[in-house]
C-alpha atoms as a PDB file:
ATOM      1  CA  MET A   1      84.002 132.427 152.035  1.00  0.00           C
ATOM      2  CA  LYS A   2      83.080 134.668 154.427  1.00  0.00           C
ATOM      3  CA  ALA A   3      84.960 136.324 157.318  1.00  0.00           C
ATOM      4  CA  VAL A   4      85.891 139.331 158.864  1.00  0.00           C
ATOM      5  CA  VAL A   5      89.185 141.179 157.916  1.00  0.00           C
ATOM      6  CA  ASP A   6      90.055 144.318 159.447  1.00  0.00           C
ATOM      7  CA  GLY A   7      86.548 144.999 161.027  1.00  0.00           C
ATOM      8  CA  ILE A   8      84.545 144.144 157.600  1.00  0.00           C
ATOM      9  CA  ARG A   9      82.900 141.281 156.653  1.00  0.00           C
ATOM     10  CA  LYS A  10      83.742 140.345 153.195  1.00  0.00           C
ATOM     11  CA  ASP A  11      84.500 137.536 150.866  1.00  0.00           C
ATOM     12  CA  ILE A  12      88.067 136.211 150.859  1.00  0.00           C
ATOM     13  CA  ARG A  13      90.177 133.152 149.501  1.00  0.00           C
ATOM     14  CA  ALA A  14      92.508 131.630 151.298  1.00  0.00           C
ATOM     15  CA  VAL A  15      95.598 131.839 147.991  1.00  0.00           C
ATOM     16  CA  TRP A  16      95.230 134.417 145.448  1.00  0.00           C
ATOM     17  CA  PHE A  17      97.636 136.350 143.069  1.00  0.00           C
ATOM     18  CA  GLU A  18      97.721 140.381 143.677  1.00  0.00           C
ATOM     19  CA  GLY A  19      99.876 143.001 142.880  1.00  0.00           C
ATOM     20  CA  GLY A  20     102.615 140.733 141.490  1.00  0.00           C
ATOM     21  CA  GLU A  21     102.669 138.495 144.394  1.00  0.00           C
ATOM     22  CA  VAL A  22     101.017 135.550 145.784  1.00  0.00           C
ATOM     23  CA  ARG A  23      98.825 136.325 148.930  1.00  0.00           C
ATOM     24  CA  MET A  24      97.545 133.520 151.615  1.00  0.00           C
ATOM     25  CA  ILE A  25      95.696 133.653 154.448  1.00  0.00           C
ATOM     26  CA  ASP A  26      98.638 132.897 157.417  1.00  0.00           C
ATOM     27  CA  GLN A  27      96.250 129.647 158.787  1.00  0.00           C
ATOM     28  CA  ARG A  28      98.703 129.132 162.023  1.00  0.00           C
ATOM     29  CA  LEU A  29      97.276 132.535 163.125  1.00  0.00           C
ATOM     30  CA  LEU A  30      93.716 131.521 163.240  1.00  0.00           C
ATOM     31  CA  PRO A  31      91.117 131.818 164.740  1.00  0.00           C
ATOM     32  CA  ALA A  32      92.577 134.350 166.893  1.00  0.00           C
ATOM     33  CA  ARG A  33      92.918 136.724 163.728  1.00  0.00           C
ATOM     34  CA  ILE A  34      92.936 136.411 160.055  1.00  0.00           C
ATOM     35  CA  GLY A  35      96.768 137.622 159.015  1.00  0.00           C
ATOM     36  CA  ILE A  36      97.543 137.936 155.109  1.00  0.00           C
ATOM     37  CA  VAL A  37     101.322 137.103 154.213  1.00  0.00           C
ATOM     38  CA  GLY A  38     102.674 137.664 150.241  1.00  0.00           C
ATOM     39  CA  PHE A  39     105.735 136.180 148.573  1.00  0.00           C
ATOM     40  CA  ARG A  40     107.873 137.362 145.675  1.00  0.00           C
ATOM     41  CA  ASP A  41     110.108 134.257 145.339  1.00  0.00           C
ATOM     42  CA  TYR A  42     108.699 130.569 144.513  1.00  0.00           C
ATOM     43  CA  ARG A  43     110.962 129.570 147.397  1.00  0.00           C
ATOM     44  CA  ASP A  44     109.026 131.815 149.954  1.00  0.00           C
ATOM     45  CA  VAL A  45     105.769 129.945 148.468  1.00  0.00           C
ATOM     46  CA  ALA A  46     107.604 126.434 149.018  1.00  0.00           C
ATOM     47  CA  GLU A  47     108.635 127.335 152.792  1.00  0.00           C
ATOM     48  CA  ALA A  48     104.840 128.616 153.494  1.00  0.00           C
ATOM     49  CA  ILE A  49     103.784 125.359 152.032  1.00  0.00           C
ATOM     50  CA  ARG A  50     106.228 123.605 154.449  1.00  0.00           C
ATOM     51  CA  ASN A  51     105.538 125.273 157.695  1.00  0.00           C
ATOM     52  CA  MET A  52     101.847 125.074 156.897  1.00  0.00           C
ATOM     53  CA  THR A  53     100.876 128.412 156.613  1.00  0.00           C
ATOM     54  CA  THR A  54      99.329 127.484 153.444  1.00  0.00           C
ATOM     55  CA  ARG A  55      97.387 123.716 154.259  1.00  0.00           C
ATOM     56  CA  GLY A  56      94.851 121.176 152.778  1.00  0.00           C
ATOM     57  CA  ALA A  57      95.585 119.239 149.290  1.00  0.00           C
ATOM     58  CA  PRO A  58      93.546 121.443 147.122  1.00  0.00           C
ATOM     59  CA  SER A  59      94.963 124.925 148.388  1.00  0.00           C
ATOM     60  CA  ILE A  60      98.663 123.517 148.666  1.00  0.00           C
ATOM     61  CA  GLY A  61      98.391 122.823 144.562  1.00  0.00           C
ATOM     62  CA  ALA A  62      97.019 126.318 144.171  1.00  0.00           C
ATOM     63  CA  SER A  63      99.876 127.502 146.241  1.00  0.00           C
ATOM     64  CA  ALA A  64     102.320 125.647 144.204  1.00  0.00           C
ATOM     65  CA  ALA A  65     100.599 126.888 140.910  1.00  0.00           C
ATOM     66  CA  TYR A  66     101.308 130.297 141.797  1.00  0.00           C
ATOM     67  CA  GLY A  67     104.811 129.650 143.181  1.00  0.00           C
ATOM     68  CA  MET A  68     105.424 128.112 139.421  1.00  0.00           C
ATOM     69  CA  CYS A  69     103.528 131.624 138.247  1.00  0.00           C
ATOM     70  CA  LEU A  70     106.679 133.592 140.208  1.00  0.00           C
ATOM     71  CA  ALA A  71     109.120 131.214 138.827  1.00  0.00           C
ATOM     72  CA  ALA A  72     108.604 131.875 135.678  1.00  0.00           C
ATOM     73  CA  LEU A  73     107.948 135.763 136.216  1.00  0.00           C
ATOM     74  CA  ASN A  74     111.342 136.262 138.023  1.00  0.00           C
ATOM     75  CA  GLY A  75     112.930 134.165 135.158  1.00  0.00           C
ATOM     76  CA  ASP A  76     114.047 131.360 137.529  1.00  0.00           C
ATOM     77  CA  ASP A  77     115.013 127.693 136.517  1.00  0.00           C
ATOM     78  CA  LEU A  78     111.498 126.470 135.964  1.00  0.00           C
ATOM     79  CA  ALA A  79     112.428 122.701 136.763  1.00  0.00           C
ATOM     80  CA  ARG A  80     114.574 123.436 139.511  1.00  0.00           C
ATOM     81  CA  ALA A  81     111.668 125.096 140.855  1.00  0.00           C
ATOM     82  CA  ALA A  82     109.364 122.723 140.404  1.00  0.00           C
ATOM     83  CA  SER A  83     111.435 120.172 142.437  1.00  0.00           C
ATOM     84  CA  ASP A  84     111.984 122.828 145.056  1.00  0.00           C
ATOM     85  CA  ILE A  85     108.127 122.967 145.375  1.00  0.00           C
ATOM     86  CA  LYS A  86     107.273 119.143 144.823  1.00  0.00           C
ATOM     87  CA  ALA A  87     109.690 118.507 147.917  1.00  0.00           C
ATOM     88  CA  ALA A  88     107.762 120.717 149.780  1.00  0.00           C
ATOM     89  CA  ARG A  89     105.440 117.990 151.195  1.00  0.00           C
ATOM     90  CA  PRO A  90     105.213 114.331 150.325  1.00  0.00           C
ATOM     91  CA  THR A  91     102.372 112.936 150.712  1.00  0.00           C
ATOM     92  CA  ALA A  92      99.372 115.707 148.864  1.00  0.00           C
ATOM     93  CA  TYR A  93      99.077 114.420 145.413  1.00  0.00           C
ATOM     94  CA  ASP A  94      97.639 117.672 144.230  1.00  0.00           C
ATOM     95  CA  LEU A  95     100.918 119.453 144.980  1.00  0.00           C
ATOM     96  CA  PHE A  96     102.724 117.245 142.299  1.00  0.00           C
ATOM     97  CA  HIS A  97      99.482 117.209 139.999  1.00  0.00           C
ATOM     98  CA  ALA A  98      99.568 121.519 140.064  1.00  0.00           C
ATOM     99  CA  VAL A  99     103.213 121.791 139.414  1.00  0.00           C
ATOM    100  CA  ASP A 100     103.217 119.690 136.325  1.00  0.00           C
ATOM    101  CA  TRP A 101      99.997 121.189 135.150  1.00  0.00           C
ATOM    102  CA  MET A 102     101.886 124.561 135.421  1.00  0.00           C
ATOM    103  CA  SER A 103     104.976 123.665 133.613  1.00  0.00           C
ATOM    104  CA  ALA A 104     102.943 121.956 130.544  1.00  0.00           C
ATOM    105  CA  ARG A 105     101.085 125.391 130.108  1.00  0.00           C
ATOM    106  CA  LEU A 106     104.274 127.160 131.005  1.00  0.00           C
ATOM    107  CA  ALA A 107     106.358 125.465 128.365  1.00  0.00           C
ATOM    108  CA  GLU A 108     103.395 126.027 125.670  1.00  0.00           C
ATOM    109  CA  GLY A 109     104.236 129.755 126.714  1.00  0.00           C
ATOM    110  CA  GLU A 110     101.025 130.570 128.287  1.00  0.00           C
ATOM    111  CA  ASP A 111     100.744 133.853 130.593  1.00  0.00           C
ATOM    112  CA  PRO A 112     101.860 132.576 134.113  1.00  0.00           C
ATOM    113  CA  VAL A 113      99.207 134.703 135.953  1.00  0.00           C
ATOM    114  CA  LYS A 114      96.577 133.351 133.405  1.00  0.00           C
ATOM    115  CA  ALA A 115      97.591 129.761 134.127  1.00  0.00           C
ATOM    116  CA  ALA A 116      97.802 129.947 137.896  1.00  0.00           C
ATOM    117  CA  ASP A 117      94.836 131.826 138.052  1.00  0.00           C
ATOM    118  CA  THR A 118      92.697 129.212 135.898  1.00  0.00           C
ATOM    119  CA  TYR A 119      94.074 126.539 137.867  1.00  0.00           C
ATOM    120  CA  ALA A 120      92.995 128.228 141.217  1.00  0.00           C
ATOM    121  CA  GLU A 121      89.556 129.147 139.595  1.00  0.00           C
ATOM    122  CA  THR A 122      89.171 125.318 138.387  1.00  0.00           C
ATOM    123  CA  THR A 123      89.746 124.322 142.219  1.00  0.00           C
ATOM    124  CA  VAL A 124      86.671 126.227 143.187  1.00  0.00           C
ATOM    125  CA  GLU A 125      84.554 124.966 140.529  1.00  0.00           C
ATOM    126  CA  LYS A 126      85.275 121.890 141.398  1.00  0.00           C
ATOM    127  CA  CYS A 127      84.759 122.381 144.874  1.00  0.00           C
ATOM    128  CA  ARG A 128      81.252 123.764 144.199  1.00  0.00           C
ATOM    129  CA  SER A 129      80.547 120.470 142.353  1.00  0.00           C
ATOM    130  CA  ILE A 130      81.550 118.428 145.129  1.00  0.00           C
ATOM    131  CA  GLY A 131      79.034 120.362 147.435  1.00  0.00           C
ATOM    132  CA  ARG A 132      76.282 119.763 145.161  1.00  0.00           C
ATOM    133  CA  TYR A 133      76.537 116.223 144.959  1.00  0.00           C
ATOM    134  CA  GLY A 134      77.373 115.519 148.214  1.00  0.00           C
ATOM    135  CA  GLY A 135      74.777 118.361 149.664  1.00  0.00           C
ATOM    136  CA  GLU A 136      72.267 115.714 148.317  1.00  0.00           C
ATOM    137  CA  LEU A 137      73.049 113.112 150.924  1.00  0.00           C
ATOM    138  CA  ILE A 138      72.767 115.648 154.036  1.00  0.00           C
ATOM    139  CA  GLU A 139      68.721 115.597 155.209  1.00  0.00           C
ATOM    140  CA  ASP A 140      67.163 117.510 157.803  1.00  0.00           C
ATOM    141  CA  GLY A 141      68.012 116.370 161.676  1.00  0.00           C
ATOM    142  CA  MET A 142      71.241 114.538 160.571  1.00  0.00           C
ATOM    143  CA  LYS A 143      74.238 114.135 162.821  1.00  0.00           C
ATOM    144  CA  LEU A 144      77.712 114.288 160.653  1.00  0.00           C
ATOM    145  CA  MET A 145      81.326 113.853 162.052  1.00  0.00           C
ATOM    146  CA  THR A 146      84.096 115.361 159.961  1.00  0.00           C
ATOM    147  CA  HIS A 147      87.964 115.363 160.985  1.00  0.00           C
ATOM    148  CA  CYS A 148      90.748 118.024 160.321  1.00  0.00           C
ATOM    149  CA  ASN A 149      89.696 121.004 157.933  1.00  0.00           C
ATOM    150  CA  ALA A 150      88.923 120.131 154.232  1.00  0.00           C
ATOM    151  CA  GLY A 151      86.837 123.574 154.121  1.00  0.00           C
ATOM    152  CA  ALA A 152      87.634 126.693 152.036  1.00  0.00           C
ATOM    153  CA  LEU A 153      90.416 127.055 153.792  1.00  0.00           C
ATOM    154  CA  ALA A 154      92.097 124.007 152.720  1.00  0.00           C
ATOM    155  CA  THR A 155      90.679 124.402 149.095  1.00  0.00           C
ATOM    156  CA  VAL A 156      91.092 127.940 148.042  1.00  0.00           C
ATOM    157  CA  ASP A 157      87.076 127.965 148.555  1.00  0.00           C
ATOM    158  CA  VAL A 158      84.135 126.541 149.328  1.00  0.00           C
ATOM    159  CA  GLY A 159      85.432 123.465 150.475  1.00  0.00           C
ATOM    160  CA  THR A 160      86.059 119.485 149.811  1.00  0.00           C
ATOM    161  CA  ALA A 161      84.052 118.097 153.024  1.00  0.00           C
ATOM    162  CA  LEU A 162      82.403 121.279 154.133  1.00  0.00           C
ATOM    163  CA  ALA A 163      81.634 122.088 150.444  1.00  0.00           C
ATOM    164  CA  PRO A 164      77.947 119.634 150.839  1.00  0.00           C
ATOM    165  CA  MET A 165      77.556 120.804 154.489  1.00  0.00           C
ATOM    166  CA  ARG A 166      77.567 124.759 153.142  1.00  0.00           C
ATOM    167  CA  TYR A 167      75.383 123.390 150.258  1.00  0.00           C
ATOM    168  CA  ALA A 168      72.838 121.645 152.399  1.00  0.00           C
ATOM    169  CA  HIS A 169      73.005 124.197 154.581  1.00  0.00           C
ATOM    170  CA  ASP A 170      71.934 127.220 152.046  1.00  0.00           C
ATOM    171  CA  ALA A 171      69.186 125.016 150.857  1.00  0.00           C
ATOM    172  CA  GLY A 172      67.788 124.939 154.161  1.00  0.00           C
ATOM    173  CA  ARG A 173      68.290 121.939 155.750  1.00  0.00           C
ATOM    174  CA  ASP A 174      68.720 121.703 159.740  1.00  0.00           C
ATOM    175  CA  PHE A 175      72.108 119.354 160.501  1.00  0.00           C
ATOM    176  CA  PHE A 176      74.426 119.060 163.275  1.00  0.00           C
ATOM    177  CA  VAL A 177      78.389 118.394 162.890  1.00  0.00           C
ATOM    178  CA  TYR A 178      80.993 117.118 165.227  1.00  0.00           C
ATOM    179  CA  VAL A 179      84.230 118.451 164.606  1.00  0.00           C
ATOM    180  CA  SER A 180      87.310 116.503 166.090  1.00  0.00           C
ATOM    181  CA  GLU A 181      90.041 118.477 167.242  1.00  0.00           C
ATOM    182  CA  THR A 182      92.820 116.463 165.081  1.00  0.00           C
ATOM    183  CA  ARG A 183      96.073 116.697 167.306  1.00  0.00           C
ATOM    184  CA  PRO A 184      98.676 117.800 167.350  1.00  0.00           C
ATOM    185  CA  ARG A 185      98.104 120.853 165.137  1.00  0.00           C
ATOM    186  CA  LEU A 186      94.163 121.200 166.367  1.00  0.00           C
ATOM    187  CA  GLN A 187      92.978 121.774 162.709  1.00  0.00           C
ATOM    188  CA  GLY A 188      89.689 120.563 163.258  1.00  0.00           C
ATOM    189  CA  MET A 189      89.259 122.564 166.319  1.00  0.00           C
ATOM    190  CA  GLN A 190      91.107 125.888 165.297  1.00  0.00           C
ATOM    191  CA  LEU A 191      89.983 126.027 161.562  1.00  0.00           C
ATOM    192  CA  THR A 192      86.771 123.866 160.686  1.00  0.00           C
ATOM    193  CA  ALA A 193      84.802 124.816 163.685  1.00  0.00           C
ATOM    194  CA  TRP A 194      85.825 128.547 162.720  1.00  0.00           C
ATOM    195  CA  GLU A 195      84.617 128.308 159.102  1.00  0.00           C
ATOM    196  CA  LEU A 196      81.278 126.339 160.467  1.00  0.00           C
ATOM    197  CA  TRP A 197      80.805 129.643 163.065  1.00  0.00           C
ATOM    198  CA  GLN A 198      81.557 131.608 160.082  1.00  0.00           C
ATOM    199  CA  GLU A 199      78.453 130.038 158.293  1.00  0.00           C
ATOM    200  CA  GLY A 200      76.203 129.877 160.863  1.00  0.00           C
ATOM    201  CA  ILE A 201      76.328 125.984 160.941  1.00  0.00           C
ATOM    202  CA  GLU A 202      75.543 124.218 163.986  1.00  0.00           C
ATOM    203  CA  HIS A 203      78.438 122.126 165.830  1.00  0.00           C
ATOM    204  CA  ARG A 204      80.748 120.674 168.479  1.00  0.00           C
ATOM    205  CA  ILE A 205      84.395 120.584 168.777  1.00  0.00           C
ATOM    206  CA  ILE A 206      85.191 116.942 170.385  1.00  0.00           C
ATOM    207  CA  PRO A 207      88.593 115.513 171.636  1.00  0.00           C
ATOM    208  CA  ASP A 208      89.935 113.178 168.680  1.00  0.00           C
ATOM    209  CA  GLY A 209      89.540 110.020 171.365  1.00  0.00           C
ATOM    210  CA  ALA A 210      86.103 110.872 171.651  1.00  0.00           C
ATOM    211  CA  SER A 211      84.709 110.042 168.464  1.00  0.00           C
ATOM    212  CA  ALA A 212      83.797 106.501 168.917  1.00  0.00           C
ATOM    213  CA  TYR A 213      81.700 107.389 171.995  1.00  0.00           C
ATOM    214  CA  TYR A 214      79.836 109.897 170.075  1.00  0.00           C
ATOM    215  CA  MET A 215      79.223 107.344 166.925  1.00  0.00           C
ATOM    216  CA  SER A 216      78.072 104.979 169.584  1.00  0.00           C
ATOM    217  CA  GLN A 217      75.547 107.411 170.581  1.00  0.00           C
ATOM    218  CA  GLY A 218      74.425 108.203 167.140  1.00  0.00           C
ATOM    219  CA  VAL A 219      76.128 109.623 164.000  1.00  0.00           C
ATOM    220  CA  ASP A 220      74.226 109.674 160.535  1.00  0.00           C
ATOM    221  CA  MET A 221      77.584 110.125 158.248  1.00  0.00           C
ATOM    222  CA  ILE A 222      80.942 110.930 158.489  1.00  0.00           C
ATOM    223  CA  ILE A 223      82.494 113.222 155.675  1.00  0.00           C
ATOM    224  CA  THR A 224      86.345 113.866 155.398  1.00  0.00           C
ATOM    225  CA  GLY A 225      88.823 114.605 152.915  1.00  0.00           C
ATOM    226  CA  ALA A 226      91.677 113.144 151.252  1.00  0.00           C
ATOM    227  CA  ASP A 227      95.418 114.124 150.321  1.00  0.00           C
ATOM    228  CA  ARG A 228      96.143 111.653 148.063  1.00  0.00           C
ATOM    229  CA  ILE A 229      93.737 108.530 146.772  1.00  0.00           C
ATOM    230  CA  THR A 230      95.054 105.609 145.225  1.00  0.00           C
ATOM    231  CA  ALA A 231      93.928 103.379 141.972  1.00  0.00           C
ATOM    232  CA  ASN A 232      92.248 100.833 144.449  1.00  0.00           C
ATOM    233  CA  GLY A 233      90.442 103.252 146.686  1.00  0.00           C
ATOM    234  CA  ASP A 234      92.597 103.508 149.346  1.00  0.00           C
ATOM    235  CA  PHE A 235      93.396 107.436 150.747  1.00  0.00           C
ATOM    236  CA  ALA A 236      95.933 109.131 152.637  1.00  0.00           C
ATOM    237  CA  ASN A 237      94.572 111.947 154.903  1.00  0.00           C
ATOM    238  CA  LYS A 238      95.215 113.348 158.274  1.00  0.00           C
ATOM    239  CA  ILE A 239      96.480 111.094 160.995  1.00  0.00           C
ATOM    240  CA  GLY A 240      93.200 109.949 163.180  1.00  0.00           C
ATOM    241  CA  THR A 241      90.945 109.153 159.489  1.00  0.00           C
ATOM    242  CA  PHE A 242      91.586 105.676 159.940  1.00  0.00           C
ATOM    243  CA  ASP A 243      90.645 105.195 163.162  1.00  0.00           C
ATOM    244  CA  LYS A 244      87.039 106.904 162.381  1.00  0.00           C
ATOM    245  CA  ALA A 245      86.701 104.678 159.492  1.00  0.00           C
ATOM    246  CA  ILE A 246      87.453 101.367 161.385  1.00  0.00           C
ATOM    247  CA  VAL A 247      85.143 102.706 163.975  1.00  0.00           C
ATOM    248  CA  ALA A 248      82.209 103.618 161.624  1.00  0.00           C
ATOM    249  CA  LYS A 249      82.487 100.307 160.108  1.00  0.00           C
ATOM    250  CA  HIS A 250      81.734  98.632 163.156  1.00  0.00           C
ATOM    251  CA  PHE A 251      78.608 100.790 164.000  1.00  0.00           C
ATOM    252  CA  GLY A 252      77.567 100.545 160.346  1.00  0.00           C
ATOM    253  CA  ILE A 253      77.822 104.361 159.690  1.00  0.00           C
ATOM    254  CA  PRO A 254      78.357 105.797 156.610  1.00  0.00           C
ATOM    255  CA  PHE A 255      81.641 106.729 155.644  1.00  0.00           C
ATOM    256  CA  TYR A 256      82.683 109.395 152.680  1.00  0.00           C
ATOM    257  CA  VAL A 257      85.548 110.978 151.409  1.00  0.00           C
ATOM    258  CA  ALA A 258      85.052 114.465 149.279  1.00  0.00           C
ATOM    259  CA  ALA A 259      87.853 115.109 146.946  1.00  0.00           C
ATOM    260  CA  PRO A 260      88.370 116.546 143.670  1.00  0.00           C
ATOM    261  CA  VAL A 261      89.530 114.044 140.667  1.00  0.00           C
ATOM    262  CA  SER A 262      92.977 115.809 141.207  1.00  0.00           C
ATOM    263  CA  THR A 263      93.803 113.853 144.114  1.00  0.00           C
ATOM    264  CA  PHE A 264      93.271 110.623 143.056  1.00  0.00           C
ATOM    265  CA  ASP A 265      96.919 109.284 141.357  1.00  0.00           C
ATOM    266  CA  LEU A 266      96.223 106.313 139.806  1.00  0.00           C
ATOM    267  CA  SER A 267      99.855 105.926 139.395  1.00  0.00           C
ATOM    268  CA  MET A 268      99.869 104.181 142.646  1.00  0.00           C
ATOM    269  CA  GLU A 269      98.543 100.903 142.952  1.00  0.00           C
ATOM    270  CA  SER A 270      97.298 101.293 146.539  1.00  0.00           C
ATOM    271  CA  GLY A 271      97.979 102.940 150.033  1.00  0.00           C
ATOM    272  CA  LYS A 272     100.979 100.947 150.337  1.00  0.00           C
ATOM    273  CA  ASP A 273     102.952 103.263 148.068  1.00  0.00           C
ATOM    274  CA  ILE A 274     101.896 106.351 149.472  1.00  0.00           C
ATOM    275  CA  VAL A 275     104.461 108.330 151.459  1.00  0.00           C
ATOM    276  CA  ILE A 276     103.585 109.447 154.824  1.00  0.00           C
ATOM    277  CA  GLU A 277     104.927 112.543 155.738  1.00  0.00           C
ATOM    278  CA  GLN A 278     106.863 112.287 159.245  1.00  0.00           C
ATOM    279  CA  ARG A 279     106.673 115.791 160.910  1.00  0.00           C
ATOM    280  CA  SER A 280     108.891 117.207 164.007  1.00  0.00           C
ATOM    281  CA  GLN A 281     107.942 115.804 167.034  1.00  0.00           C
ATOM    282  CA  ASP A 282     107.660 119.474 168.770  1.00  0.00           C
ATOM    283  CA  GLU A 283     103.960 119.545 167.408  1.00  0.00           C
ATOM    284  CA  VAL A 284     103.216 116.845 169.643  1.00  0.00           C
ATOM    285  CA  CYS A 285     105.794 118.054 172.908  1.00  0.00           C
ATOM    286  CA  VAL A 286     105.956 121.733 172.659  1.00  0.00           C
ATOM    287  CA  MET A 287     102.961 124.479 173.067  1.00  0.00           C
ATOM    288  CA  ASN A 288     102.848 128.066 173.011  1.00  0.00           C
ATOM    289  CA  GLY A 289     106.676 127.840 173.164  1.00  0.00           C
ATOM    290  CA  ALA A 290     106.785 125.248 176.293  1.00  0.00           C
ATOM    291  CA  ARG A 291     108.080 121.854 176.522  1.00  0.00           C
ATOM    292  CA  ILE A 292     105.085 119.836 177.897  1.00  0.00           C
ATOM    293  CA  ALA A 293     106.598 115.898 177.307  1.00  0.00           C
ATOM    294  CA  PRO A 294     109.161 114.782 180.025  1.00  0.00           C
ATOM    295  CA  GLU A 295     112.867 115.897 178.753  1.00  0.00           C
ATOM    296  CA  GLY A 296     113.611 112.232 178.101  1.00  0.00           C
ATOM    297  CA  SER A 297     110.822 110.914 176.010  1.00  0.00           C
ATOM    298  CA  GLN A 298     110.842 111.460 172.251  1.00  0.00           C
ATOM    299  CA  ALA A 299     107.440 111.302 170.092  1.00  0.00           C
ATOM    300  CA  LEU A 300     106.760 110.200 166.731  1.00  0.00           C
ATOM    301  CA  ASN A 301     104.230 112.482 164.691  1.00  0.00           C
ATOM    302  CA  PRO A 302     102.912 110.878 161.041  1.00  0.00           C
ATOM    303  CA  ALA A 303     101.039 113.490 159.596  1.00  0.00           C
ATOM    304  CA  PHE A 304      98.634 111.075 157.733  1.00  0.00           C
ATOM    305  CA  ASP A 305      97.288 107.224 157.624  1.00  0.00           C
ATOM    306  CA  VAL A 306      96.130 105.250 155.056  1.00  0.00           C
ATOM    307  CA  THR A 307      92.262 104.128 154.966  1.00  0.00           C
ATOM    308  CA  PRO A 308      91.818 100.910 152.963  1.00  0.00           C
ATOM    309  CA  ALA A 309      89.135 101.336 150.290  1.00  0.00           C
ATOM    310  CA  GLU A 310      86.784  98.762 151.866  1.00  0.00           C
ATOM    311  CA  LEU A 311      86.004 101.162 155.038  1.00  0.00           C
ATOM    312  CA  VAL A 312      85.235 103.829 152.207  1.00  0.00           C
ATOM    313  CA  THR A 313      81.527 104.182 151.637  1.00  0.00           C
ATOM    314  CA  GLY A 314      81.851 106.877 148.351  1.00  0.00           C
ATOM    315  CA  PHE A 315      84.151 109.106 146.639  1.00  0.00           C
ATOM    316  CA  ILE A 316      82.402 112.561 146.661  1.00  0.00           C
ATOM    317  CA  THR A 317      83.819 113.787 143.407  1.00  0.00           C
ATOM    318  CA  GLU A 318      83.273 117.010 141.216  1.00  0.00           C
ATOM    319  CA  LYS A 319      81.725 114.111 138.257  1.00  0.00           C
ATOM    320  CA  GLY A 320      79.691 112.698 140.947  1.00  0.00           C
ATOM    321  CA  ILE A 321      79.826 110.033 144.058  1.00  0.00           C
ATOM    322  CA  LEU A 322      82.400 107.036 142.875  1.00  0.00           C
ATOM    323  CA  ARG A 323      81.940 103.661 144.697  1.00  0.00           C
ATOM    324  CA  PRO A 324      85.710 102.791 145.891  1.00  0.00           C
ATOM    325  CA  ASP A 325      85.741 100.422 142.974  1.00  0.00           C
ATOM    326  CA  GLU A 326      85.020 102.460 140.395  1.00  0.00           C
ATOM    327  CA  VAL A 327      88.023 104.571 141.375  1.00  0.00           C
ATOM    328  CA  HIS A 328      89.789 102.740 138.349  1.00  0.00           C
ATOM    329  CA  VAL A 329      87.708 103.461 135.588  1.00  0.00           C
ATOM    330  CA  MET A 330      89.094 107.277 135.786  1.00  0.00           C
ATOM    331  CA  ARG A 331      92.276 105.590 133.776  1.00  0.00           C
ATOM    332  CA  ASP A 332      90.164 104.888 130.869  1.00  0.00           C
END
């Protein structure tokens, strides 16, 4: 992605390996500023995944791969490292896929840095393919809607849900994007809007609760990302996705999910098997260090919800666009 870093517009990725350390954009600081952090211990990478310094399923996967790389370089117990990194966040399947992928490569004696770089680069290439397949769905004059952030920040580079938009924009097509703010951490407002602004794609931020209103006024397509997709086509994504899918079904709006094959967990039969991460109520009740909720009130803060397959028009993957009833064939 293009971004202004230290006054210079340059290409930058969400996570990479340089100078013996894992480097990543601290996404908690955006859009106010771009801050780069570096880690030399896998435990710090695991904490960066947990506290959302890095976020988005594919970027979490790449960060996990680099965490395993550090563990190997430092002579740590790899089984312990794998367990610690997997424990960072429970819902995103790319995290588990990446750790297992790296564990297999390290067991075969592959160079740790080369293996992790390969994982990250493969992730980016998958996103480029997702962009090409999904971009053909976007026509001039369309009004799109997305939720949370499934752009370059969430995927090392390019994006999943935003990849088709980048592709269509580069092809010269004019379209408009509604960006739901994505409470409580505001990834849509702070991250997706920032990426679209960097790309020069026309958009407006809307409150989460305004999504149904704007769908009633005319939305042509919804594209979101996913954190885990099960064998029957149910999928987990940022809380609030399920709401949008229900309303889209009511208005007959196509609802697409963009995700690499590494996000598909075919060991799970349905969304009922997905563990939903429950995060701190402070993300809901505290803003800028000040409590905004009544002292006597507590909050529930699920990070994700599960959308049933029957609400999905198709999955945009690096292998093409799949109908929900075609997901299970990837087992073969």
